[in-house]
Protein backbone atom coordinates (compact mmCIF):
# COMPACT_ATOMS: atom_id res chain seq x y z
CA UNK A 1 -0.11 -0.09 -0.07
CA UNK A 2 2.62 2.39 1.00
CA UNK A 3 4.57 1.54 -2.09
CA UNK A 4 1.48 2.30 -4.55
CA UNK A 5 1.12 5.54 -3.06
CA UNK A 6 4.61 6.10 -3.97
CA UNK A 7 4.87 5.54 -7.55
CA UNK A 8 1.71 7.42 -8.01
CA UNK A 9 4.03 10.62 -6.81
CA UNK A 10 6.65 9.94 -9.00
CA UNK A 11 4.61 9.51 -11.63
CA UNK A 12 2.96 12.44 -11.03
CA UNK A 13 5.81 14.28 -10.54
CA UNK A 14 7.59 13.16 -13.79
CA UNK A 15 4.42 14.17 -15.78
CA UNK A 16 4.52 17.58 -14.03
CA UNK A 17 8.15 17.91 -15.24
CA UNK A 18 7.66 17.08 -19.08
CA UNK A 19 4.71 19.13 -19.34
CA UNK A 20 7.44 22.07 -17.90
CA UNK A 21 9.53 20.98 -20.39
CA UNK A 22 7.39 21.41 -22.84
CA UNK A 23 6.43 24.37 -21.95
CA UNK A 24 9.79 25.99 -21.93
CA UNK A 25 10.34 24.42 -25.55
CA UNK A 26 7.60 26.30 -26.83
CA UNK A 27 8.80 29.71 -25.21
CA UNK A 28 12.33 28.89 -26.34
CA UNK A 29 10.86 28.17 -30.33
CA UNK A 30 8.41 31.30 -29.61
CA UNK A 31 11.48 33.45 -28.98
CA UNK A 32 13.39 32.71 -31.38
CA UNK A 33 11.10 33.19 -33.96
CA UNK A 34 10.56 36.67 -32.85
CA UNK A 35 14.31 36.98 -32.92
CA UNK A 36 14.54 35.93 -36.67
CA UNK A 37 11.74 38.08 -36.99
CA UNK A 38 13.42 41.43 -35.58
CA UNK A 39 16.50 40.55 -37.07
CA UNK A 40 14.91 40.57 -40.61
CA UNK A 41 12.82 43.88 -40.09
CA UNK A 42 16.12 45.52 -39.04
CA UNK A 43 18.08 44.28 -41.99
CA UNK A 44 15.16 45.26 -44.17
CA UNK A 45 15.16 48.75 -42.97
CA UNK A 46 19.65 48.91 -43.46
CA UNK A 47 19.26 47.82 -46.48
CA UNK A 48 17.09 50.45 -47.95
CA UNK A 49 18.79 53.21 -45.96
CA UNK A 50 22.47 52.19 -47.05
CA UNK A 51 20.83 51.72 -50.52
CA UNK A 52 19.22 55.63 -49.86
CA UNK A 53 22.71 56.66 -48.76
CA UNK A 54 24.74 55.35 -51.33
CA UNK A 55 22.32 56.80 -53.57
CA UNK A 56 23.04 60.59 -52.19
CA UNK A 57 26.77 60.20 -51.97
CA UNK A 58 26.81 59.48 -55.60
CA UNK A 59 24.77 62.27 -56.33
CA UNK A 60 26.96 64.64 -54.13
CA UNK A 61 30.20 63.11 -56.02
CA UNK A 62 28.43 64.00 -59.17
CA UNK A 63 27.53 67.31 -58.45
CA UNK A 64 31.33 68.05 -57.25
CA UNK A 65 32.97 66.75 -60.04
CA UNK A 66 30.32 69.13 -62.27
CA UNK A 67 31.68 71.90 -60.01
CA UNK A 68 35.15 71.23 -60.63
CA UNK A 69 34.85 70.97 -64.19
CA UNK A 70 33.14 74.53 -63.41
CA UNK A 71 35.16 76.23 -60.99
CA UNK A 72 39.01 75.21 -61.65
CA UNK A 73 41.35 76.85 -59.82
CA UNK A 74 42.83 80.37 -60.64
CA UNK A 75 46.77 80.92 -61.12
CA UNK A 76 47.28 84.34 -59.27
CA UNK A 77 50.10 85.14 -62.11
CA UNK A 78 48.02 83.91 -65.03
CA UNK A 79 47.38 87.31 -65.60
CA UNK A 80 49.79 89.09 -64.06
CA UNK A 81 52.28 89.34 -67.20
CA UNK A 82 55.19 92.08 -65.45
CA UNK A 83 54.96 92.48 -61.82
CA UNK A 84 56.76 95.56 -61.26
CA UNK A 85 55.65 98.91 -62.91
CA UNK A 86 57.83 102.04 -62.39
CA UNK A 87 57.16 105.38 -62.24
CA UNK A 88 59.32 108.27 -62.65
CA UNK A 89 57.52 112.27 -62.50
CA UNK A 90 54.35 110.69 -63.84
CA UNK A 91 56.09 108.65 -66.57
CA UNK A 92 55.73 105.11 -66.34
CA UNK A 93 59.41 103.52 -66.80
CA UNK A 94 60.19 100.08 -68.72
CA UNK A 95 62.86 97.45 -67.76
CA UNK A 96 65.82 98.67 -69.76
CA UNK A 97 65.17 101.98 -69.90
CA UNK A 98 67.02 105.13 -68.77
CA UNK A 99 66.96 108.31 -66.43
CA UNK A 100 69.04 111.51 -66.04
CA UNK A 101 69.10 113.23 -63.02
CA UNK A 102 69.45 117.12 -63.26
CA UNK A 103 72.93 118.80 -63.51
CA UNK A 104 74.19 120.19 -60.53
CA UNK A 105 77.72 121.93 -59.66
CA UNK A 106 80.67 119.87 -59.10
CA UNK A 107 81.08 118.67 -55.73
CA UNK A 108 77.36 120.36 -54.37
CA UNK A 109 75.06 118.66 -52.49
CA UNK A 110 73.24 115.63 -53.37
CA UNK A 111 70.23 115.28 -56.11
CA UNK A 112 67.50 112.62 -55.69
CA UNK A 113 64.81 110.78 -58.08
CA UNK A 114 61.66 109.06 -56.33
CA UNK A 115 60.69 105.54 -58.12
CA UNK A 116 56.74 105.07 -57.46
CA UNK A 117 56.62 101.00 -57.72
CA UNK A 118 53.44 99.63 -58.20
CA UNK A 119 52.91 95.80 -58.14
CA UNK A 120 50.67 94.27 -60.65
CA UNK A 121 50.10 90.91 -59.19
CA UNK A 122 47.48 89.40 -57.04
CA UNK A 123 50.56 88.15 -54.98
CA UNK A 124 53.28 89.99 -52.59
CA UNK A 125 56.12 90.71 -54.55
CA UNK A 126 58.89 90.57 -52.27
CA UNK A 127 62.49 92.03 -53.46
CA UNK A 128 65.57 90.13 -53.42
CA UNK A 129 69.33 90.55 -52.27
CA UNK A 130 71.43 93.03 -50.85
CA UNK A 131 70.72 96.64 -51.15
CA UNK A 132 74.30 97.46 -51.78
CA UNK A 133 74.54 95.26 -54.82
CA UNK A 134 71.26 97.62 -56.72
CA UNK A 135 73.30 100.09 -57.78
CA UNK A 136 76.50 100.44 -59.55
CA UNK A 137 78.46 103.78 -60.55
CA UNK A 138 80.74 106.38 -59.45
CA UNK A 139 78.67 108.95 -57.53
CA UNK A 140 75.42 106.88 -57.30
CA UNK A 141 73.68 105.39 -54.38
CA UNK A 142 70.44 104.27 -52.86
CA UNK A 143 68.64 107.65 -50.96
CA UNK A 144 65.78 105.27 -49.37
CA UNK A 145 65.25 101.90 -49.39
CA UNK A 146 61.89 100.23 -50.46
CA UNK A 147 59.51 98.19 -48.26
CA UNK A 148 60.82 94.28 -48.01
CA UNK A 149 57.62 93.30 -49.84
CA UNK A 150 54.83 95.29 -51.94
CA UNK A 151 51.38 93.67 -51.45
CA UNK A 152 49.07 92.80 -54.67
CA UNK A 153 47.84 95.83 -56.25
CA UNK A 154 49.51 98.35 -54.26
CA UNK A 155 52.49 101.04 -54.49
CA UNK A 156 55.17 101.62 -52.41
CA UNK A 157 58.46 103.62 -53.09
CA UNK A 158 62.10 104.68 -52.78
CA UNK A 159 64.90 107.23 -54.10
CA UNK A 160 67.74 107.21 -55.78
CA UNK A 161 70.83 109.68 -55.49
CA UNK A 162 73.74 111.33 -57.14
CA UNK A 163 76.07 112.98 -55.28
CA UNK A 164 77.70 115.44 -57.59
CA UNK A 165 81.94 114.74 -58.09
CA UNK A 166 84.32 116.72 -60.11
CA UNK A 167 82.88 118.25 -63.22
CA UNK A 168 82.43 115.73 -66.14
CA UNK A 169 79.56 112.96 -66.69
CA UNK A 170 79.00 109.89 -64.80
CA UNK A 171 76.95 106.81 -65.98
CA UNK A 172 75.79 104.00 -63.74
CA UNK A 173 73.01 100.61 -63.52
CA UNK A 174 70.41 100.14 -60.93
CA UNK A 175 69.36 96.66 -60.65
CA UNK A 176 66.47 95.59 -58.78
CA UNK A 177 65.79 92.05 -58.58
CA UNK A 178 62.31 90.97 -57.18
CA UNK A 179 60.27 87.24 -56.87
CA UNK A 180 57.59 87.55 -60.02
CA UNK A 181 57.56 87.57 -63.34
CA UNK A 182 59.54 90.07 -65.31
CA UNK A 183 62.63 90.13 -62.53
CA UNK A 184 64.76 92.15 -62.48
CA UNK A 185 64.19 95.68 -63.12
CA UNK A 186 67.23 97.17 -65.13
CA UNK A 187 67.76 101.22 -64.83
CA UNK A 188 70.17 102.99 -66.83
CA UNK A 189 71.08 106.42 -64.87
CA UNK A 190 73.16 109.09 -65.87
CA UNK A 191 74.26 112.59 -63.95
CA UNK A 192 76.32 116.05 -65.31
CA UNK A 193 78.33 117.53 -62.60
CA UNK A 194 78.79 121.15 -64.20
CA UNK A 195 81.36 123.16 -63.84
CA UNK A 196 82.30 124.55 -60.35
CA UNK A 197 81.18 127.38 -58.48
CA UNK A 198 83.11 130.32 -57.66
CA UNK A 199 84.34 130.59 -54.22
CA UNK A 200 85.57 134.55 -53.10
CA UNK A 201 87.88 135.08 -50.19
CA UNK A 202 88.23 138.75 -48.68
CA UNK A 203 90.70 140.58 -46.37
CA UNK A 204 92.47 143.55 -45.40
CA UNK A 205 92.51 145.12 -48.91
CA UNK A 206 92.54 142.01 -50.73
CA UNK A 207 90.29 139.64 -52.64
CA UNK A 208 90.78 136.30 -54.29
CA UNK A 209 88.36 134.47 -56.56
CA UNK A 210 89.00 130.35 -57.85
CA UNK A 211 86.78 129.23 -60.63
CA UNK A 212 87.88 125.74 -60.34
CA UNK A 213 87.64 125.08 -56.33
CA UNK A 214 91.46 125.96 -55.98
CA UNK A 215 92.94 124.52 -58.81
CA UNK A 216 93.93 127.83 -59.74
CA UNK A 217 93.04 131.24 -58.47
CA UNK A 218 92.80 135.05 -58.80
CA UNK A 219 94.38 137.76 -56.30
CA UNK A 220 93.65 140.83 -56.17
CA UNK A 221 95.53 143.46 -54.19
CA UNK A 222 94.08 146.98 -53.52
CA UNK A 223 96.03 148.41 -51.39
CA UNK A 224 99.08 148.21 -49.07
CA UNK A 225 97.78 149.69 -46.19
CA UNK A 226 96.50 148.22 -43.04
CA UNK A 227 92.81 148.85 -41.70
CA UNK A 228 92.36 151.17 -44.98
CA UNK A 229 88.98 151.98 -46.13
CA UNK A 230 89.79 149.06 -48.96
CA UNK A 231 89.57 146.43 -46.16
CA UNK A 232 87.33 143.81 -46.73
CA UNK A 233 85.56 142.75 -43.24
CA UNK A 234 82.59 140.34 -45.15
CA UNK A 235 81.48 138.67 -47.94
CA UNK A 236 78.03 136.95 -49.15
CA UNK A 237 76.45 136.22 -52.11
CA UNK A 238 72.86 137.35 -53.35
CA UNK A 239 70.67 138.31 -55.82
CA UNK A 240 72.79 137.12 -58.05
CA UNK A 241 76.07 139.03 -57.38
CA UNK A 242 78.82 139.01 -54.82
CA UNK A 243 78.65 141.57 -52.32
CA UNK A 244 82.06 142.57 -49.90
CA UNK A 245 81.55 144.99 -46.86
CA UNK A 246 84.32 146.78 -45.00
CA UNK A 247 86.27 149.97 -44.58
CA UNK A 248 87.71 151.86 -41.66
CA UNK A 249 86.04 155.34 -41.22
CA UNK A 250 83.75 154.98 -44.61
CA UNK A 251 80.75 152.66 -45.18
CA UNK A 252 81.97 150.71 -48.01
CA UNK A 253 80.56 148.04 -49.77
CA UNK A 254 81.61 146.23 -53.27
CA UNK A 255 79.61 144.39 -55.10
CA UNK A 256 80.61 141.94 -58.35
CA UNK A 257 79.18 139.41 -60.87
CA UNK A 258 82.24 137.21 -60.83
CA UNK A 259 84.08 138.25 -57.65
CA UNK A 260 86.96 139.71 -59.99
CA UNK A 261 85.10 142.99 -60.98
CA UNK A 262 83.94 145.20 -58.17
CA UNK A 263 81.91 148.12 -58.41
CA UNK A 264 82.54 150.30 -55.13
CA UNK A 265 79.44 151.88 -52.63
CA UNK A 266 80.28 154.30 -49.82
CA UNK A 267 77.53 155.02 -47.50
CA UNK A 268 78.98 157.53 -45.15
CA UNK A 269 81.32 157.28 -42.15
CA UNK A 270 81.76 154.47 -40.18
CA UNK A 271 82.17 150.78 -41.67
CA UNK A 272 80.51 147.58 -42.23
CA UNK A 273 81.56 144.47 -40.64
CA UNK A 274 79.51 141.57 -42.48
CA UNK A 275 76.63 140.75 -44.78
CA UNK A 276 74.19 138.34 -45.53
CA UNK A 277 71.54 137.19 -47.75
CA UNK A 278 67.22 136.26 -47.14
CA UNK A 279 63.76 136.92 -47.56
CA UNK A 280 65.06 138.26 -51.08
CA UNK A 281 66.94 141.04 -49.55
CA UNK A 282 70.56 141.60 -48.70
CA UNK A 283 71.67 143.09 -44.97
CA UNK A 284 74.69 144.71 -43.88
CA UNK A 285 75.92 145.07 -40.43
CA UNK A 286 78.73 146.55 -38.84
CA UNK A 287 79.47 149.07 -35.81
CA UNK A 288 76.21 150.29 -34.41
CA UNK A 289 73.86 150.20 -37.54
CA UNK A 290 73.04 148.39 -40.25
CA UNK A 291 72.18 148.61 -44.25
CA UNK A 292 69.60 146.43 -46.48
CA UNK A 293 68.85 146.50 -49.89
CA UNK A 294 65.81 144.48 -51.57
CA UNK A 295 66.05 145.30 -54.62
CA UNK A 296 69.98 145.12 -56.61
CA UNK A 297 72.13 145.61 -53.69
CA UNK A 298 73.41 148.87 -55.97
CA UNK A 299 70.66 150.92 -53.99
CA UNK A 300 70.87 150.67 -50.08
CA UNK A 301 68.91 152.43 -47.34
CA UNK A 302 70.37 152.70 -43.94
CA UNK A 303 68.00 151.84 -41.04
CA UNK A 304 68.27 150.83 -37.42
CA UNK A 305 71.09 151.57 -34.44
CA UNK A 306 72.12 149.07 -32.49
CA UNK A 307 74.04 149.88 -29.45
CA UNK A 308 75.80 146.19 -29.99
CA UNK A 309 79.24 146.24 -31.75
CA UNK A 310 78.15 143.98 -34.78
CA UNK A 311 80.56 141.63 -36.19
CA UNK A 312 78.81 139.18 -38.20
CA UNK A 313 75.55 138.18 -39.47
CA UNK A 314 73.24 134.91 -40.44
CA UNK A 315 70.61 134.40 -41.64
CA UNK A 316 67.78 131.25 -41.29
CA UNK A 317 64.42 130.87 -40.21
CA UNK A 318 63.02 134.25 -41.42
CA UNK A 319 65.90 135.99 -39.39
CA UNK A 320 68.63 137.81 -39.51
CA UNK A 321 70.64 137.60 -36.66
CA UNK A 322 73.92 139.47 -35.51
CA UNK A 323 76.16 139.14 -33.17
CA UNK A 324 79.48 141.00 -31.61
CA UNK A 325 81.06 141.86 -28.28
CA UNK A 326 78.29 140.64 -25.70
CA UNK A 327 75.48 140.95 -27.75
CA UNK A 328 72.91 139.51 -30.36
CA UNK A 329 69.98 141.28 -32.28
CA UNK A 330 67.60 139.77 -34.40
CA UNK A 331 65.70 141.46 -37.44
CA UNK A 332 62.67 139.93 -39.48
CA UNK A 333 62.30 142.89 -42.33
CA UNK A 334 65.57 144.35 -42.33
CA UNK A 335 64.42 147.86 -40.96
CA UNK A 336 63.91 147.49 -37.27
CA UNK A 337 65.92 145.26 -34.82
CA UNK A 338 62.94 143.12 -33.51
CA UNK A 339 65.07 141.75 -30.49
CA UNK A 340 67.79 142.98 -28.68
CA UNK A 341 69.41 140.70 -26.09
CA UNK A 342 73.00 139.02 -24.87
CA UNK A 343 74.35 135.94 -25.46
CA UNK A 344 76.48 136.03 -22.57
CA UNK A 345 80.05 135.77 -24.27
CA UNK A 346 82.72 138.06 -23.92
CA UNK A 347 83.19 138.13 -27.73
CA UNK A 348 81.56 136.39 -30.82
CA UNK A 349 83.40 137.28 -33.76
CA UNK A 350 81.53 135.21 -36.07
CA UNK A 351 77.91 133.43 -36.54
CA UNK A 352 76.40 130.41 -38.48
CA UNK A 353 72.82 129.11 -39.04
CA UNK A 354 71.92 125.41 -39.57
CA UNK A 355 69.72 122.68 -38.09
CA UNK A 356 67.50 125.09 -36.23
CA UNK A 357 70.27 126.84 -34.55
CA UNK A 358 71.64 129.99 -34.57
CA UNK A 359 75.85 129.20 -33.20
CA UNK A 360 78.14 131.98 -32.54
CA UNK A 361 82.17 131.35 -32.00
CA UNK A 362 84.14 133.81 -30.31
CA UNK A 363 87.47 134.17 -27.84
CA UNK A 364 88.60 131.79 -25.28
CA UNK A 365 86.79 128.94 -27.11
CA UNK A 366 83.58 130.64 -26.35
CA UNK A 367 80.64 128.93 -28.70
CA UNK A 368 76.78 130.19 -28.02
CA UNK A 369 73.58 128.88 -29.16
CA UNK A 370 70.01 130.04 -29.63
CA UNK A 371 67.47 127.70 -31.08
CA UNK A 372 64.65 130.50 -30.92
CA UNK A 373 65.64 132.98 -33.32
CA UNK A 374 67.99 134.66 -31.21
CA UNK A 375 65.77 135.99 -28.25
CA UNK A 376 67.61 133.94 -26.06
CA UNK A 377 71.08 132.16 -25.83
CA UNK A 378 72.80 129.34 -24.04
CA UNK A 379 76.39 129.27 -23.95
CA UNK A 380 79.39 126.32 -23.87
CA UNK A 381 83.59 126.42 -24.22
CA UNK A 382 85.21 124.59 -26.75
CA UNK A 383 88.93 124.56 -25.82
CA UNK A 384 90.74 128.04 -25.54
CA UNK A 385 91.51 129.39 -28.44
CA UNK A 386 89.88 132.09 -30.16
CA UNK A 387 87.58 130.79 -32.95
CA UNK A 388 88.15 133.07 -36.40
CA UNK A 389 86.08 130.80 -38.50
CA UNK A 390 82.19 129.12 -38.12
CA UNK A 391 80.32 127.53 -40.97
CA UNK A 392 77.35 124.76 -41.45
CA UNK A 393 76.87 122.24 -44.23
CA UNK A 394 76.82 118.62 -44.42
CA UNK A 395 74.58 118.34 -41.44
CA UNK A 396 77.71 120.32 -39.33
CA UNK A 397 78.66 123.33 -37.75
CA UNK A 398 82.36 123.66 -38.05
CA UNK A 399 84.61 126.07 -35.92
CA UNK A 400 88.18 126.19 -36.18
CA UNK A 401 91.62 128.28 -36.54
CA UNK A 402 95.13 127.82 -37.86
CA UNK A 403 95.57 125.04 -35.56
CA UNK A 404 92.55 122.86 -35.05
CA UNK A 405 89.09 121.94 -36.51
CA UNK A 406 85.86 120.68 -34.42
CA UNK A 407 82.38 119.98 -35.47
CA UNK A 408 78.99 119.57 -34.03
CA UNK A 409 75.32 119.16 -35.58
CA UNK A 410 73.26 121.06 -32.76
CA UNK A 411 76.22 123.45 -31.25
CA UNK A 412 76.25 122.05 -28.08
CA UNK A 413 78.09 118.55 -27.87
CA UNK A 414 81.22 118.82 -30.24
CA UNK A 415 84.08 116.72 -31.42
CA UNK A 416 87.62 117.14 -32.60
CA UNK A 417 88.18 116.58 -36.17
CA UNK A 418 91.81 116.91 -36.30
CA UNK A 419 94.76 119.18 -36.00
CA UNK A 420 94.87 121.27 -39.25
CA UNK A 421 98.85 122.00 -39.53
CA UNK A 422 98.17 125.96 -39.97
CA UNK A 423 95.53 125.53 -42.74
CA UNK A 424 92.32 127.50 -41.35
CA UNK A 425 89.11 126.15 -42.52
CA UNK A 426 87.17 128.56 -44.50
CA UNK A 427 83.74 126.64 -45.94
CA UNK A 428 82.03 123.54 -46.90
CA UNK A 429 80.53 122.76 -50.95
CA UNK A 430 78.62 120.04 -50.41
CA UNK A 431 80.71 117.42 -47.94
CA UNK A 432 84.09 119.17 -49.26
CA UNK A 433 85.93 121.80 -46.97
CA UNK A 434 88.24 124.07 -47.89
CA UNK A 435 90.81 126.16 -46.27
CA UNK A 436 93.87 128.49 -46.73
CA UNK A 437 97.15 128.20 -44.98
CA UNK A 438 99.73 131.64 -45.15
CA UNK A 439 100.88 130.51 -48.71
CA UNK A 440 98.32 127.77 -50.18
CA UNK A 441 94.55 127.19 -50.92
CA UNK A 442 93.45 123.50 -49.49
CA UNK A 443 90.62 120.96 -49.57
CA UNK A 444 89.50 118.11 -47.78
CA UNK A 445 87.30 115.39 -49.08
CA UNK A 446 87.32 113.19 -45.68
CA UNK A 447 85.26 116.12 -43.77
CA UNK A 448 88.40 117.84 -42.47
CA UNK A 449 90.79 114.95 -41.59
CA UNK A 450 93.34 115.56 -43.57
CA UNK A 451 94.13 117.89 -46.66
CA UNK A 452 94.98 118.22 -50.17
CA UNK A 453 96.89 121.40 -50.94
CA UNK A 454 95.71 123.35 -54.44
CA UNK A 455 97.25 126.38 -55.69
CA UNK A 456 99.69 128.87 -54.21
CA UNK A 457 98.62 132.04 -52.49
CA UNK A 458 100.44 135.08 -52.46
CA UNK A 459 98.50 137.26 -49.47
CA UNK A 460 96.96 135.75 -46.28
CA UNK A 461 95.38 137.62 -43.42
CA UNK A 462 91.72 136.55 -45.03
CA UNK A 463 88.67 137.57 -43.06
CA UNK A 464 85.81 135.92 -44.87
CA UNK A 465 84.88 133.15 -47.65
CA UNK A 466 82.10 132.55 -49.46
CA UNK A 467 80.81 130.36 -52.55
CA UNK A 468 78.89 131.37 -55.54
CA UNK A 469 74.75 130.60 -54.26
CA UNK A 470 75.33 131.19 -50.78
CA UNK A 471 76.68 127.38 -50.40
């Protein structure tokens, strides 16, 4: 009995397990079928999308190819031609062309030609090489440099320079390399240094003129008397002529078109120390008065009266400034002294204008400076000599006497150039200095460091020096 019940229980359990197994099998089959259906749906969807994307990609590729065929990449140099165009004074100059500098008297100040440069291309134009290699020929140089590059279709400028040498014709070549079509630009340059300017020296009863910068001289002695009314104390150039001034107890003036033949003008008692030209007017000053002429240098009017013992006068910045003794005077119109003041030194012998300042030199190394047209002055000392000359040129003031030469750009700070060994510096043309000794005319091509002896001189004791044209 007990055994029977156990068998039934076992059988019931077996049947129950079998049914559960069948249910599980059916669930697995259903799940597999669902999974298959899902996968099938996904594959159908992916296939369709891939097909559409592929078609779209094909269309983009075809459009891109079509665009490429319609819009080819442009070459920026295709329409460039000759990249660099150069214009001088409104005229276009082709490479291989030529230009002539304006004629200048020998040894005078440089003259420049400006080049306007245009980049005709749509890319930057860059210059090549070393500027020192661009210009060939004696007397020719670059006055200014171009920028490193010129942007597309833009302009830039540079300048060429000719510094006159001795009289003659000069030839040179300017070659400008760059990195675009048409390089290099080549320009033949030429220049003429015309005849030298006349120079005139004056002294006590004498005058000397040279027409070839001291190679030869013409000497004239008016009298052997010392401190006579024939004594020339100062000389200047203006209104197309040389003017000498002097006298002892007579106010004498002399005019000459060439420095050789002189016409005397007497203006009564007194004496005249110096003269200068400016504002289309000649002004002569000396003693306690001054004279002026604005027309021809022949008819003079006497105006004003200064209490100063005037020794020298210079023109600059629209005014005349006269110095001498311990005082200074300034006039703008040649009729009245606008300013009378003191400069602080015991005696100032000569005055010059340059770089915006009047600078005077005098006894015991005294140098005075005014940068406000002679209204106020400052003082410095350079050595202990009594300075006999001062002049301005080539951006420097020069002071000197027969044993030494100094120079300065501002009249304040001075540098020793060299001992002059008996040569008194007289003046400057361009960058060339000229001087005299007791028996010869001299020239310096290195700023006064060394001197070349030129024509012999019979006379000495010169008081003033001027160059034709007022150099």
